[in-house]
PDB file of N, CA and C in Angstrom:
ATOM      1  N   MET A   1       0.751  -1.125   0.044  1.00  0.00           N
ATOM      2  CA  MET A   1       0.096  -0.190   0.069  1.00  0.00           C
ATOM      3  C   MET A   1       0.800   1.175  -0.008  1.00  0.00           C
ATOM      4  N   LYS A   2       1.818   1.204   0.859  1.00  0.00           N
ATOM      5  CA  LYS A   2       2.766   2.493   0.781  1.00  0.00           C
ATOM      6  C   LYS A   2       3.619   2.579  -0.438  1.00  0.00           C
ATOM      7  N   ARG A   3       4.110   1.467  -1.274  1.00  0.00           N
ATOM      8  CA  ARG A   3       4.674   1.635  -2.532  1.00  0.00           C
ATOM      9  C   ARG A   3       4.200   2.500  -3.541  1.00  0.00           C
ATOM     10  N   PRO A   4       2.795   1.932  -3.737  1.00  0.00           N
ATOM     11  CA  PRO A   4       2.168   3.041  -4.803  1.00  0.00           C
ATOM     12  C   PRO A   4       2.113   4.350  -4.556  1.00  0.00           C
ATOM     13  N   ALA A   5       1.906   4.609  -3.274  1.00  0.00           N
ATOM     14  CA  ALA A   5       1.891   6.076  -2.905  1.00  0.00           C
ATOM     15  C   ALA A   5       3.050   6.765  -2.931  1.00  0.00           C
ATOM     16  N   ARG A   6       4.217   6.050  -2.593  1.00  0.00           N
ATOM     17  CA  ARG A   6       5.596   6.999  -2.790  1.00  0.00           C
ATOM     18  C   ARG A   6       6.014   6.994  -4.167  1.00  0.00           C
ATOM     19  N   ALA A   7       5.457   5.978  -4.903  1.00  0.00           N
ATOM     20  CA  ALA A   7       5.910   6.135  -6.620  1.00  0.00           C
ATOM     21  C   ALA A   7       5.189   7.280  -6.947  1.00  0.00           C
ATOM     22  N   LEU A   8       3.828   7.538  -6.824  1.00  0.00           N
ATOM     23  CA  LEU A   8       3.050   8.330  -7.197  1.00  0.00           C
ATOM     24  C   LEU A   8       3.582   9.808  -6.649  1.00  0.00           C
ATOM     25  N   VAL A   9       4.139   9.910  -5.600  1.00  0.00           N
ATOM     26  CA  VAL A   9       4.565  11.203  -4.966  1.00  0.00           C
ATOM     27  C   VAL A   9       6.030  11.549  -5.915  1.00  0.00           C
ATOM     28  N   VAL A  10       6.875  10.434  -6.002  1.00  0.00           N
ATOM     29  CA  VAL A  10       8.102  10.734  -6.629  1.00  0.00           C
ATOM     30  C   VAL A  10       7.653  11.139  -8.052  1.00  0.00           C
ATOM     31  N   ALA A  11       6.753  10.419  -8.875  1.00  0.00           N
ATOM     32  CA  ALA A  11       6.567  10.841 -10.253  1.00  0.00           C
ATOM     33  C   ALA A  11       6.026  12.279 -10.284  1.00  0.00           C
ATOM     34  N   VAL A  12       5.146  12.725  -9.325  1.00  0.00           N
ATOM     35  CA  VAL A  12       4.513  14.029  -9.261  1.00  0.00           C
ATOM     36  C   VAL A  12       5.605  15.115  -9.169  1.00  0.00           C
ATOM     37  N   VAL A  13       6.822  14.792  -8.323  1.00  0.00           N
ATOM     38  CA  VAL A  13       7.726  15.723  -8.073  1.00  0.00           C
ATOM     39  C   VAL A  13       8.638  15.584  -9.037  1.00  0.00           C
ATOM     40  N   VAL A  14       9.104  14.632  -9.678  1.00  0.00           N
ATOM     41  CA  VAL A  14       9.998  14.492 -10.777  1.00  0.00           C
ATOM     42  C   VAL A  14       9.316  15.390 -12.230  1.00  0.00           C
ATOM     43  N   LEU A  15       8.046  15.179 -12.204  1.00  0.00           N
ATOM     44  CA  LEU A  15       7.320  15.545 -13.629  1.00  0.00           C
ATOM     45  C   LEU A  15       7.406  17.257 -13.300  1.00  0.00           C
ATOM     46  N   GLY A  16       6.873  17.444 -12.084  1.00  0.00           N
ATOM     47  CA  GLY A  16       6.886  19.047 -11.725  1.00  0.00           C
ATOM     48  C   GLY A  16       8.085  19.698 -11.883  1.00  0.00           C
ATOM     49  N   LEU A  17       9.167  19.232 -11.400  1.00  0.00           N
ATOM     50  CA  LEU A  17      10.428  19.982 -11.400  1.00  0.00           C
ATOM     51  C   LEU A  17      11.205  19.621 -12.625  1.00  0.00           C
ATOM     52  N   ARG A  18      10.840  18.724 -13.529  1.00  0.00           N
ATOM     53  CA  ARG A  18      11.703  18.412 -14.905  1.00  0.00           C
ATOM     54  C   ARG A  18      11.455  19.483 -15.819  1.00  0.00           C
ATOM     55  N   SER A  19      10.228  19.969 -16.039  1.00  0.00           N
ATOM     56  CA  SER A  19      10.032  20.899 -17.062  1.00  0.00           C
ATOM     57  C   SER A  19       9.683  22.252 -16.627  1.00  0.00           C
ATOM     58  N   PRO A  20      10.420  23.106 -15.891  1.00  0.00           N
ATOM     59  CA  PRO A  20       9.823  24.354 -15.352  1.00  0.00           C
ATOM     60  C   PRO A  20       9.666  25.467 -16.580  1.00  0.00           C
ATOM     61  N   GLN A  21      10.146  25.248 -17.743  1.00  0.00           N
ATOM     62  CA  GLN A  21       9.732  26.210 -18.590  1.00  0.00           C
ATOM     63  C   GLN A  21       8.309  26.342 -19.173  1.00  0.00           C
ATOM     64  N   ALA A  22       7.511  25.323 -18.533  1.00  0.00           N
ATOM     65  CA  ALA A  22       6.137  25.224 -19.250  1.00  0.00           C
ATOM     66  C   ALA A  22       5.256  25.880 -18.113  1.00  0.00           C
ATOM     67  N   PHE A  23       5.773  26.307 -16.940  1.00  0.00           N
ATOM     68  CA  PHE A  23       5.237  26.790 -15.893  1.00  0.00           C
ATOM     69  C   PHE A  23       5.470  28.366 -15.423  1.00  0.00           C
ATOM     70  N   ALA A  24       4.546  28.994 -15.135  1.00  0.00           N
ATOM     71  CA  ALA A  24       4.879  30.453 -14.555  1.00  0.00           C
ATOM     72  C   ALA A  24       5.794  30.677 -13.433  1.00  0.00           C
ATOM     73  N   GLN A  25       5.745  29.747 -12.550  1.00  0.00           N
ATOM     74  CA  GLN A  25       6.569  29.793 -11.340  1.00  0.00           C
ATOM     75  C   GLN A  25       7.292  28.827 -10.842  1.00  0.00           C
ATOM     76  N   ASP A  26       8.486  28.951 -10.264  1.00  0.00           N
ATOM     77  CA  ASP A  26       9.346  27.881  -9.788  1.00  0.00           C
ATOM     78  C   ASP A  26       8.566  27.184  -8.562  1.00  0.00           C
ATOM     79  N   PRO A  27       8.976  26.197  -8.059  1.00  0.00           N
ATOM     80  CA  PRO A  27       8.406  25.524  -6.821  1.00  0.00           C
ATOM     81  C   PRO A  27       9.006  26.239  -5.647  1.00  0.00           C
ATOM     82  N   ILE A  28      10.266  26.650  -5.675  1.00  0.00           N
ATOM     83  CA  ILE A  28      10.847  27.484  -4.603  1.00  0.00           C
ATOM     84  C   ILE A  28      10.117  28.815  -4.205  1.00  0.00           C
ATOM     85  N   HIS A  29       9.811  29.525  -5.362  1.00  0.00           N
ATOM     86  CA  HIS A  29       8.766  30.628  -5.077  1.00  0.00           C
ATOM     87  C   HIS A  29       7.646  30.300  -4.378  1.00  0.00           C
ATOM     88  N   LYS A  30       6.949  29.395  -5.055  1.00  0.00           N
ATOM     89  CA  LYS A  30       5.548  29.071  -4.334  1.00  0.00           C
ATOM     90  C   LYS A  30       5.717  28.684  -2.933  1.00  0.00           C
ATOM     91  N   PHE A  31       6.709  27.710  -2.816  1.00  0.00           N
ATOM     92  CA  PHE A  31       6.908  27.482  -1.160  1.00  0.00           C
ATOM     93  C   PHE A  31       7.201  28.584  -0.422  1.00  0.00           C
ATOM     94  N   GLY A  32       8.144  29.596  -0.738  1.00  0.00           N
ATOM     95  CA  GLY A  32       8.471  30.725   0.061  1.00  0.00           C
ATOM     96  C   GLY A  32       7.413  31.530   0.211  1.00  0.00           C
ATOM     97  N   ARG A  33       6.522  31.741  -0.829  1.00  0.00           N
ATOM     98  CA  ARG A  33       5.270  32.429  -0.650  1.00  0.00           C
ATOM     99  C   ARG A  33       4.222  31.867   0.456  1.00  0.00           C
ATOM    100  N   GLY A  34       4.192  30.635   0.320  1.00  0.00           N
ATOM    101  CA  GLY A  34       3.194  29.841   1.329  1.00  0.00           C
ATOM    102  C   GLY A  34       3.667  29.869   2.589  1.00  0.00           C
ATOM    103  N   VAL A  35       5.088  29.815   2.891  1.00  0.00           N
ATOM    104  CA  VAL A  35       5.489  29.861   4.208  1.00  0.00           C
ATOM    105  C   VAL A  35       5.377  31.466   4.791  1.00  0.00           C
ATOM    106  N   GLY A  36       5.704  32.258   3.961  1.00  0.00           N
ATOM    107  CA  GLY A  36       5.537  33.628   4.334  1.00  0.00           C
ATOM    108  C   GLY A  36       4.055  33.844   4.571  1.00  0.00           C
ATOM    109  N   ASN A  37       3.055  33.448   3.988  1.00  0.00           N
ATOM    110  CA  ASN A  37       1.665  33.865   4.313  1.00  0.00           C
ATOM    111  C   ASN A  37       1.201  33.063   5.480  1.00  0.00           C
ATOM    112  N   VAL A  38       1.705  31.868   5.690  1.00  0.00           N
ATOM    113  CA  VAL A  38       1.373  31.071   7.104  1.00  0.00           C
ATOM    114  C   VAL A  38       1.816  31.920   8.148  1.00  0.00           C
ATOM    115  N   LEU A  39       3.145  32.392   8.013  1.00  0.00           N
ATOM    116  CA  LEU A  39       3.870  32.923   9.170  1.00  0.00           C
ATOM    117  C   LEU A  39       3.185  34.326   9.437  1.00  0.00           C
ATOM    118  N   THR A  40       2.661  34.963   8.626  1.00  0.00           N
ATOM    119  CA  THR A  40       2.499  36.505   8.477  1.00  0.00           C
ATOM    120  C   THR A  40       1.024  36.681   8.262  1.00  0.00           C
ATOM    121  N   CYS A  41       0.253  35.806   8.244  1.00  0.00           N
ATOM    122  CA  CYS A  41      -1.239  35.946   8.105  1.00  0.00           C
ATOM    123  C   CYS A  41      -1.977  36.715   8.922  1.00  0.00           C
ATOM    124  N   TRP A  42      -1.248  36.840  10.258  1.00  0.00           N
ATOM    125  CA  TRP A  42      -1.965  37.731  11.197  1.00  0.00           C
ATOM    126  C   TRP A  42      -1.794  39.111  10.964  1.00  0.00           C
ATOM    127  N   LEU A  43      -0.907  39.643  10.219  1.00  0.00           N
ATOM    128  CA  LEU A  43      -0.838  40.939   9.846  1.00  0.00           C
ATOM    129  C   LEU A  43      -1.919  41.715   9.265  1.00  0.00           C
ATOM    130  N   GLU A  44      -2.882  40.595   8.678  1.00  0.00           N
ATOM    131  CA  GLU A  44      -3.953  41.252   7.821  1.00  0.00           C
ATOM    132  C   GLU A  44      -5.006  41.999   8.859  1.00  0.00           C
ATOM    133  N   LEU A  45      -5.044  41.322  10.282  1.00  0.00           N
ATOM    134  CA  LEU A  45      -5.977  42.055  11.062  1.00  0.00           C
ATOM    135  C   LEU A  45      -5.561  43.432  11.409  1.00  0.00           C
ATOM    136  N   PRO A  46      -4.408  43.925  11.890  1.00  0.00           N
ATOM    137  CA  PRO A  46      -3.986  45.264  12.157  1.00  0.00           C
ATOM    138  C   PRO A  46      -4.012  46.013  10.746  1.00  0.00           C
ATOM    139  N   LYS A  47      -3.692  45.350   9.649  1.00  0.00           N
ATOM    140  CA  LYS A  47      -3.597  46.245   8.442  1.00  0.00           C
ATOM    141  C   LYS A  47      -4.967  46.731   8.004  1.00  0.00           C
ATOM    142  N   GLN A  48      -5.933  45.939   8.114  1.00  0.00           N
ATOM    143  CA  GLN A  48      -7.239  46.176   7.753  1.00  0.00           C
ATOM    144  C   GLN A  48      -7.951  47.174   8.833  1.00  0.00           C
ATOM    145  N   LEU A  49      -7.623  46.867   9.766  1.00  0.00           N
ATOM    146  CA  LEU A  49      -8.252  47.741  11.117  1.00  0.00           C
ATOM    147  C   LEU A  49      -7.670  49.114  10.730  1.00  0.00           C
ATOM    148  N   HIS A  50      -6.559  49.378  10.352  1.00  0.00           N
ATOM    149  CA  HIS A  50      -5.987  50.487  10.299  1.00  0.00           C
ATOM    150  C   HIS A  50      -6.550  51.350   8.999  1.00  0.00           C
ATOM    151  N   LEU A  51      -6.709  50.453   7.816  1.00  0.00           N
ATOM    152  CA  LEU A  51      -7.237  51.066   6.452  1.00  0.00           C
ATOM    153  C   LEU A  51      -8.811  51.164   6.782  1.00  0.00           C
ATOM    154  N   GLY A  52      -9.424  50.538   7.487  1.00  0.00           N
ATOM    155  CA  GLY A  52     -10.904  50.850   7.799  1.00  0.00           C
ATOM    156  C   GLY A  52     -11.106  52.090   8.737  1.00  0.00           C
ATOM    157  N   SER A  53     -10.319  52.354   9.535  1.00  0.00           N
ATOM    158  CA  SER A  53     -10.396  53.429  10.486  1.00  0.00           C
ATOM    159  C   SER A  53     -10.049  54.659   9.845  1.00  0.00           C
ATOM    160  N   GLN A  54      -9.508  54.784   8.610  1.00  0.00           N
ATOM    161  CA  GLN A  54      -9.351  56.108   7.660  1.00  0.00           C
ATOM    162  C   GLN A  54     -10.344  56.073   6.772  1.00  0.00           C
ATOM    163  N   GLU A  55     -11.305  55.515   6.811  1.00  0.00           N
ATOM    164  CA  GLU A  55     -12.620  55.946   6.042  1.00  0.00           C
ATOM    165  C   GLU A  55     -13.367  56.893   6.663  1.00  0.00           C
ATOM    166  N   GLU A  56     -14.429  57.275   6.008  1.00  0.00           N
ATOM    167  CA  GLU A  56     -15.349  58.628   6.254  1.00  0.00           C
ATOM    168  C   GLU A  56     -15.749  58.289   7.766  1.00  0.00           C
ATOM    169  N   ASN A  57     -16.446  57.310   8.195  1.00  0.00           N
ATOM    170  CA  ASN A  57     -16.782  57.020   9.667  1.00  0.00           C
ATOM    171  C   ASN A  57     -15.727  56.115  10.095  1.00  0.00           C
ATOM    172  N   PRO A  58     -14.935  56.415  10.827  1.00  0.00           N
ATOM    173  CA  PRO A  58     -13.856  55.844  11.372  1.00  0.00           C
ATOM    174  C   PRO A  58     -14.176  54.556  12.379  1.00  0.00           C
ATOM    175  N   ILE A  59     -15.337  54.606  13.085  1.00  0.00           N
ATOM    176  CA  ILE A  59     -16.049  53.571  14.006  1.00  0.00           C
ATOM    177  C   ILE A  59     -16.322  52.660  13.183  1.00  0.00           C
ATOM    178  N   LEU A  60     -17.143  52.718  12.200  1.00  0.00           N
ATOM    179  CA  LEU A  60     -17.790  51.813  11.336  1.00  0.00           C
ATOM    180  C   LEU A  60     -16.694  51.152  10.334  1.00  0.00           C
ATOM    181  N   GLY A  61     -15.764  52.125   9.891  1.00  0.00           N
ATOM    182  CA  GLY A  61     -14.705  51.474   9.034  1.00  0.00           C
ATOM    183  C   GLY A  61     -13.761  50.512   9.989  1.00  0.00           C
ATOM    184  N   ALA A  62     -13.467  50.757  11.015  1.00  0.00           N
ATOM    185  CA  ALA A  62     -12.704  49.865  11.992  1.00  0.00           C
ATOM    186  C   ALA A  62     -13.352  48.584  12.313  1.00  0.00           C
ATOM    187  N   GLY A  63     -14.615  48.805  12.609  1.00  0.00           N
ATOM    188  CA  GLY A  63     -15.471  47.438  12.544  1.00  0.00           C
ATOM    189  C   GLY A  63     -15.574  46.675  11.423  1.00  0.00           C
ATOM    190  N   TRP A  64     -15.629  47.184  10.329  1.00  0.00           N
ATOM    191  CA  TRP A  64     -15.583  46.492   9.167  1.00  0.00           C
ATOM    192  C   TRP A  64     -14.210  46.040   8.688  1.00  0.00           C
ATOM    193  N   GLY A  65     -13.280  46.700   9.143  1.00  0.00           N
ATOM    194  CA  GLY A  65     -11.757  46.324   8.851  1.00  0.00           C
ATOM    195  C   GLY A  65     -11.451  45.168   9.820  1.00  0.00           C
ATOM    196  N   LEU A  66     -12.014  45.183  10.973  1.00  0.00           N
ATOM    197  CA  LEU A  66     -11.838  43.924  11.971  1.00  0.00           C
ATOM    198  C   LEU A  66     -12.356  42.638  11.229  1.00  0.00           C
ATOM    199  N   VAL A  67     -13.711  43.045  10.675  1.00  0.00           N
ATOM    200  CA  VAL A  67     -14.154  41.652  10.087  1.00  0.00           C
ATOM    201  C   VAL A  67     -13.488  41.193   8.802  1.00  0.00           C
ATOM    202  N   LYS A  68     -13.246  42.138   7.731  1.00  0.00           N
ATOM    203  CA  LYS A  68     -12.467  41.960   6.858  1.00  0.00           C
ATOM    204  C   LYS A  68     -11.169  41.391   7.201  1.00  0.00           C
ATOM    205  N   GLY A  69     -10.433  41.946   8.033  1.00  0.00           N
ATOM    206  CA  GLY A  69      -9.047  41.430   8.393  1.00  0.00           C
ATOM    207  C   GLY A  69      -9.246  40.034   9.097  1.00  0.00           C
ATOM    208  N   GLY A  70     -10.155  39.645   9.786  1.00  0.00           N
ATOM    209  CA  GLY A  70     -10.309  38.189  10.088  1.00  0.00           C
ATOM    210  C   GLY A  70     -10.521  37.238   8.932  1.00  0.00           C
ATOM    211  N   GLY A  71     -11.207  37.637   8.070  1.00  0.00           N
ATOM    212  CA  GLY A  71     -11.524  36.729   6.986  1.00  0.00           C
ATOM    213  C   GLY A  71     -10.310  36.654   6.026  1.00  0.00           C
ATOM    214  N   LEU A  72      -9.601  37.828   5.969  1.00  0.00           N
ATOM    215  CA  LEU A  72      -8.378  37.736   5.229  1.00  0.00           C
ATOM    216  C   LEU A  72      -7.370  36.959   6.025  1.00  0.00           C
ATOM    217  N   THR A  73      -7.237  37.048   7.085  1.00  0.00           N
ATOM    218  CA  THR A  73      -6.437  36.124   8.008  1.00  0.00           C
ATOM    219  C   THR A  73      -6.497  34.742   7.814  1.00  0.00           C
ATOM    220  N   ILE A  74      -7.714  34.433   7.656  1.00  0.00           N
ATOM    221  CA  ILE A  74      -7.989  32.745   7.578  1.00  0.00           C
ATOM    222  C   ILE A  74      -7.790  32.645   6.082  1.00  0.00           C
ATOM    223  N   THR A  75      -7.908  33.382   5.134  1.00  0.00           N
ATOM    224  CA  THR A  75      -7.858  33.097   3.643  1.00  0.00           C
ATOM    225  C   THR A  75      -6.215  32.770   3.510  1.00  0.00           C
ATOM    226  N   ARG A  76      -5.616  33.854   3.976  1.00  0.00           N
ATOM    227  CA  ARG A  76      -4.225  33.782   3.724  1.00  0.00           C
ATOM    228  C   ARG A  76      -3.581  32.465   4.388  1.00  0.00           C
ATOM    229  N   LEU A  77      -3.878  32.359   5.567  1.00  0.00           N
ATOM    230  CA  LEU A  77      -3.636  31.069   6.147  1.00  0.00           C
ATOM    231  C   LEU A  77      -3.825  29.829   5.454  1.00  0.00           C
ATOM    232  N   ALA A  78      -5.145  29.721   4.917  1.00  0.00           N
ATOM    233  CA  ALA A  78      -5.377  28.508   4.199  1.00  0.00           C
ATOM    234  C   ALA A  78      -4.645  28.226   2.725  1.00  0.00           C
ATOM    235  N   VAL A  79      -4.702  29.536   2.106  1.00  0.00           N
ATOM    236  CA  VAL A  79      -4.115  29.496   0.633  1.00  0.00           C
ATOM    237  C   VAL A  79      -2.322  29.193   1.053  1.00  0.00           C
ATOM    238  N   GLY A  80      -2.004  29.961   2.170  1.00  0.00           N
ATOM    239  CA  GLY A  80      -0.484  29.675   2.406  1.00  0.00           C
ATOM    240  C   GLY A  80      -0.240  28.149   2.705  1.00  0.00           C
ATOM    241  N   ALA A  81      -1.115  27.552   3.457  1.00  0.00           N
ATOM    242  CA  ALA A  81      -0.810  26.158   3.810  1.00  0.00           C
ATOM    243  C   ALA A  81      -0.911  25.270   2.572  1.00  0.00           C
ATOM    244  N   TYR A  82      -1.871  25.613   1.612  1.00  0.00           N
ATOM    245  CA  TYR A  82      -1.952  24.997   0.520  1.00  0.00           C
ATOM    246  C   TYR A  82      -0.587  25.117  -0.390  1.00  0.00           C
ATOM    247  N   GLU A  83      -0.115  26.056  -0.667  1.00  0.00           N
ATOM    248  CA  GLU A  83       1.029  26.635  -1.319  1.00  0.00           C
ATOM    249  C   GLU A  83       2.223  25.846  -0.964  1.00  0.00           C
ATOM    250  N   THR A  84       2.371  25.602   0.643  1.00  0.00           N
ATOM    251  CA  THR A  84       3.344  24.975   1.351  1.00  0.00           C
ATOM    252  C   THR A  84       3.395  23.636   1.144  1.00  0.00           C
ATOM    253  N   VAL A  85       2.166  23.047   1.242  1.00  0.00           N
ATOM    254  CA  VAL A  85       2.161  21.550   1.008  1.00  0.00           C
ATOM    255  C   VAL A  85       2.384  21.111  -0.461  1.00  0.00           C
ATOM    256  N   SER A  86       1.669  21.893  -1.275  1.00  0.00           N
ATOM    257  CA  SER A  86       1.886  21.517  -2.729  1.00  0.00           C
ATOM    258  C   SER A  86       2.831  22.221  -3.654  1.00  0.00           C
ATOM    259  N   PHE A  87       3.854  22.856  -3.006  1.00  0.00           N
ATOM    260  CA  PHE A  87       4.897  23.495  -3.821  1.00  0.00           C
ATOM    261  C   PHE A  87       5.473  22.866  -4.893  1.00  0.00           C
ATOM    262  N   PHE A  88       5.443  21.443  -4.809  1.00  0.00           N
ATOM    263  CA  PHE A  88       6.066  20.952  -6.010  1.00  0.00           C
ATOM    264  C   PHE A  88       5.248  20.773  -7.156  1.00  0.00           C
ATOM    265  N   VAL A  89       3.879  21.045  -7.090  1.00  0.00           N
ATOM    266  CA  VAL A  89       3.104  21.075  -8.228  1.00  0.00           C
ATOM    267  C   VAL A  89       2.911  22.591  -8.642  1.00  0.00           C
ATOM    268  N   PRO A  90       3.505  22.980  -9.828  1.00  0.00           N
ATOM    269  CA  PRO A  90       3.395  24.382 -10.366  1.00  0.00           C
ATOM    270  C   PRO A  90       2.081  24.828 -10.755  1.00  0.00           C
ATOM    271  N   TYR A  91       1.950  26.091 -10.741  1.00  0.00           N
ATOM    272  CA  TYR A  91       0.747  26.667 -11.333  1.00  0.00           C
ATOM    273  C   TYR A  91       0.682  26.598 -12.912  1.00  0.00           C
ATOM    274  N   PRO A  92      -0.218  26.384 -13.609  1.00  0.00           N
ATOM    275  CA  PRO A  92      -0.082  26.512 -15.062  1.00  0.00           C
ATOM    276  C   PRO A  92       0.425  27.971 -15.490  1.00  0.00           C
ATOM    277  N   LYS A  93       1.108  27.789 -16.869  1.00  0.00           N
ATOM    278  CA  LYS A  93       1.694  29.036 -17.338  1.00  0.00           C
ATOM    279  C   LYS A  93       0.905  30.494 -17.180  1.00  0.00           C
ATOM    280  N   ASP A  94      -0.246  30.248 -17.457  1.00  0.00           N
ATOM    281  CA  ASP A  94      -1.129  31.700 -17.452  1.00  0.00           C
ATOM    282  C   ASP A  94      -1.675  32.114 -16.219  1.00  0.00           C
ATOM    283  N   TYR A  95      -1.354  31.399 -15.157  1.00  0.00           N
ATOM    284  CA  TYR A  95      -1.786  31.501 -13.841  1.00  0.00           C
ATOM    285  C   TYR A  95      -0.791  31.937 -12.891  1.00  0.00           C
ATOM    286  N   ALA A  96      -0.664  33.127 -12.461  1.00  0.00           N
ATOM    287  CA  ALA A  96       0.542  33.758 -11.802  1.00  0.00           C
ATOM    288  C   ALA A  96       0.385  33.339 -10.188  1.00  0.00           C
ATOM    289  N   SER A  97      -0.832  33.532  -9.783  1.00  0.00           N
ATOM    290  CA  SER A  97      -0.948  33.453  -8.106  1.00  0.00           C
ATOM    291  C   SER A  97      -2.428  33.301  -7.984  1.00  0.00           C
ATOM    292  N   PRO A  98      -2.571  32.385  -6.855  1.00  0.00           N
ATOM    293  CA  PRO A  98      -4.147  32.205  -6.404  1.00  0.00           C
ATOM    294  C   PRO A  98      -4.664  33.455  -5.876  1.00  0.00           C
ATOM    295  N   TYR A  99      -3.774  34.522  -5.382  1.00  0.00           N
ATOM    296  CA  TYR A  99      -4.200  35.791  -4.951  1.00  0.00           C
ATOM    297  C   TYR A  99      -4.646  36.843  -6.038  1.00  0.00           C
ATOM    298  N   GLU A 100      -4.263  36.401  -7.078  1.00  0.00           N
ATOM    299  CA  GLU A 100      -4.837  37.078  -8.285  1.00  0.00           C
ATOM    300  C   GLU A 100      -6.056  37.281  -8.619  1.00  0.00           C
ATOM    301  N   ASP A 101      -6.792  36.107  -8.462  1.00  0.00           N
ATOM    302  CA  ASP A 101      -8.336  36.216  -8.293  1.00  0.00           C
ATOM    303  C   ASP A 101      -8.939  36.749  -7.397  1.00  0.00           C
ATOM    304  N   MET A 102      -8.407  36.810  -6.268  1.00  0.00           N
ATOM    305  CA  MET A 102      -8.975  37.650  -5.010  1.00  0.00           C
ATOM    306  C   MET A 102      -8.631  38.940  -5.054  1.00  0.00           C
ATOM    307  N   GLU A 103      -7.936  39.536  -5.988  1.00  0.00           N
ATOM    308  CA  GLU A 103      -7.091  40.986  -6.010  1.00  0.00           C
ATOM    309  C   GLU A 103      -6.626  41.390  -4.705  1.00  0.00           C
ATOM    310  N   LEU A 104      -5.857  40.424  -4.180  1.00  0.00           N
ATOM    311  CA  LEU A 104      -4.818  40.696  -3.207  1.00  0.00           C
ATOM    312  C   LEU A 104      -3.526  40.502  -3.443  1.00  0.00           C
ATOM    313  N   PRO A 105      -2.727  41.406  -2.866  1.00  0.00           N
ATOM    314  CA  PRO A 105      -1.268  41.105  -2.977  1.00  0.00           C
ATOM    315  C   PRO A 105      -0.712  39.919  -2.532  1.00  0.00           C
ATOM    316  N   ASP A 106       0.377  39.409  -2.986  1.00  0.00           N
ATOM    317  CA  ASP A 106       1.029  37.998  -2.680  1.00  0.00           C
ATOM    318  C   ASP A 106       1.347  37.840  -1.324  1.00  0.00           C
ATOM    319  N   TYR A 107       1.654  38.890  -0.574  1.00  0.00           N
ATOM    320  CA  TYR A 107       2.029  39.112   0.672  1.00  0.00           C
ATOM    321  C   TYR A 107       1.259  39.925   1.659  1.00  0.00           C
ATOM    322  N   ALA A 108       1.119  39.819   3.034  1.00  0.00           N
ATOM    323  CA  ALA A 108       0.292  40.644   3.547  1.00  0.00           C
ATOM    324  C   ALA A 108       0.893  42.024   3.940  1.00  0.00           C
ATOM    325  N   TRP A 109       2.101  42.176   3.973  1.00  0.00           N
ATOM    326  CA  TRP A 109       2.749  43.489   4.053  1.00  0.00           C
ATOM    327  C   TRP A 109       2.709  44.418   2.947  1.00  0.00           C
ATOM    328  N   GLU A 110       2.198  43.927   1.599  1.00  0.00           N
ATOM    329  CA  GLU A 110       2.233  44.662   0.390  1.00  0.00           C
ATOM    330  C   GLU A 110       1.043  45.585   0.268  1.00  0.00           C
TER     331      GLU A 110
END
């Protein structure tokens, strides 16, 4: 039972690393971004709280910033964990980042 699973993992890694010219990003970039977002996902809370407090109504903006920051923290944690675990499977050529669809920067501090 373990032998086929190992063979599958080795095959995916070898195929994924063998032809990097067919993909937009290398596995190291994906792994680094994933680890960075797992470790710094909590930065979304103070960032969104600050951005919300600069709106027209700072009280409502801060409240909405707290809610938005909580959601983005969970999102960054989940996507970062996915990228960390699946770094050896590159994204397709025309797909730069999962954050692109969400209109978010690749890292929380950007």
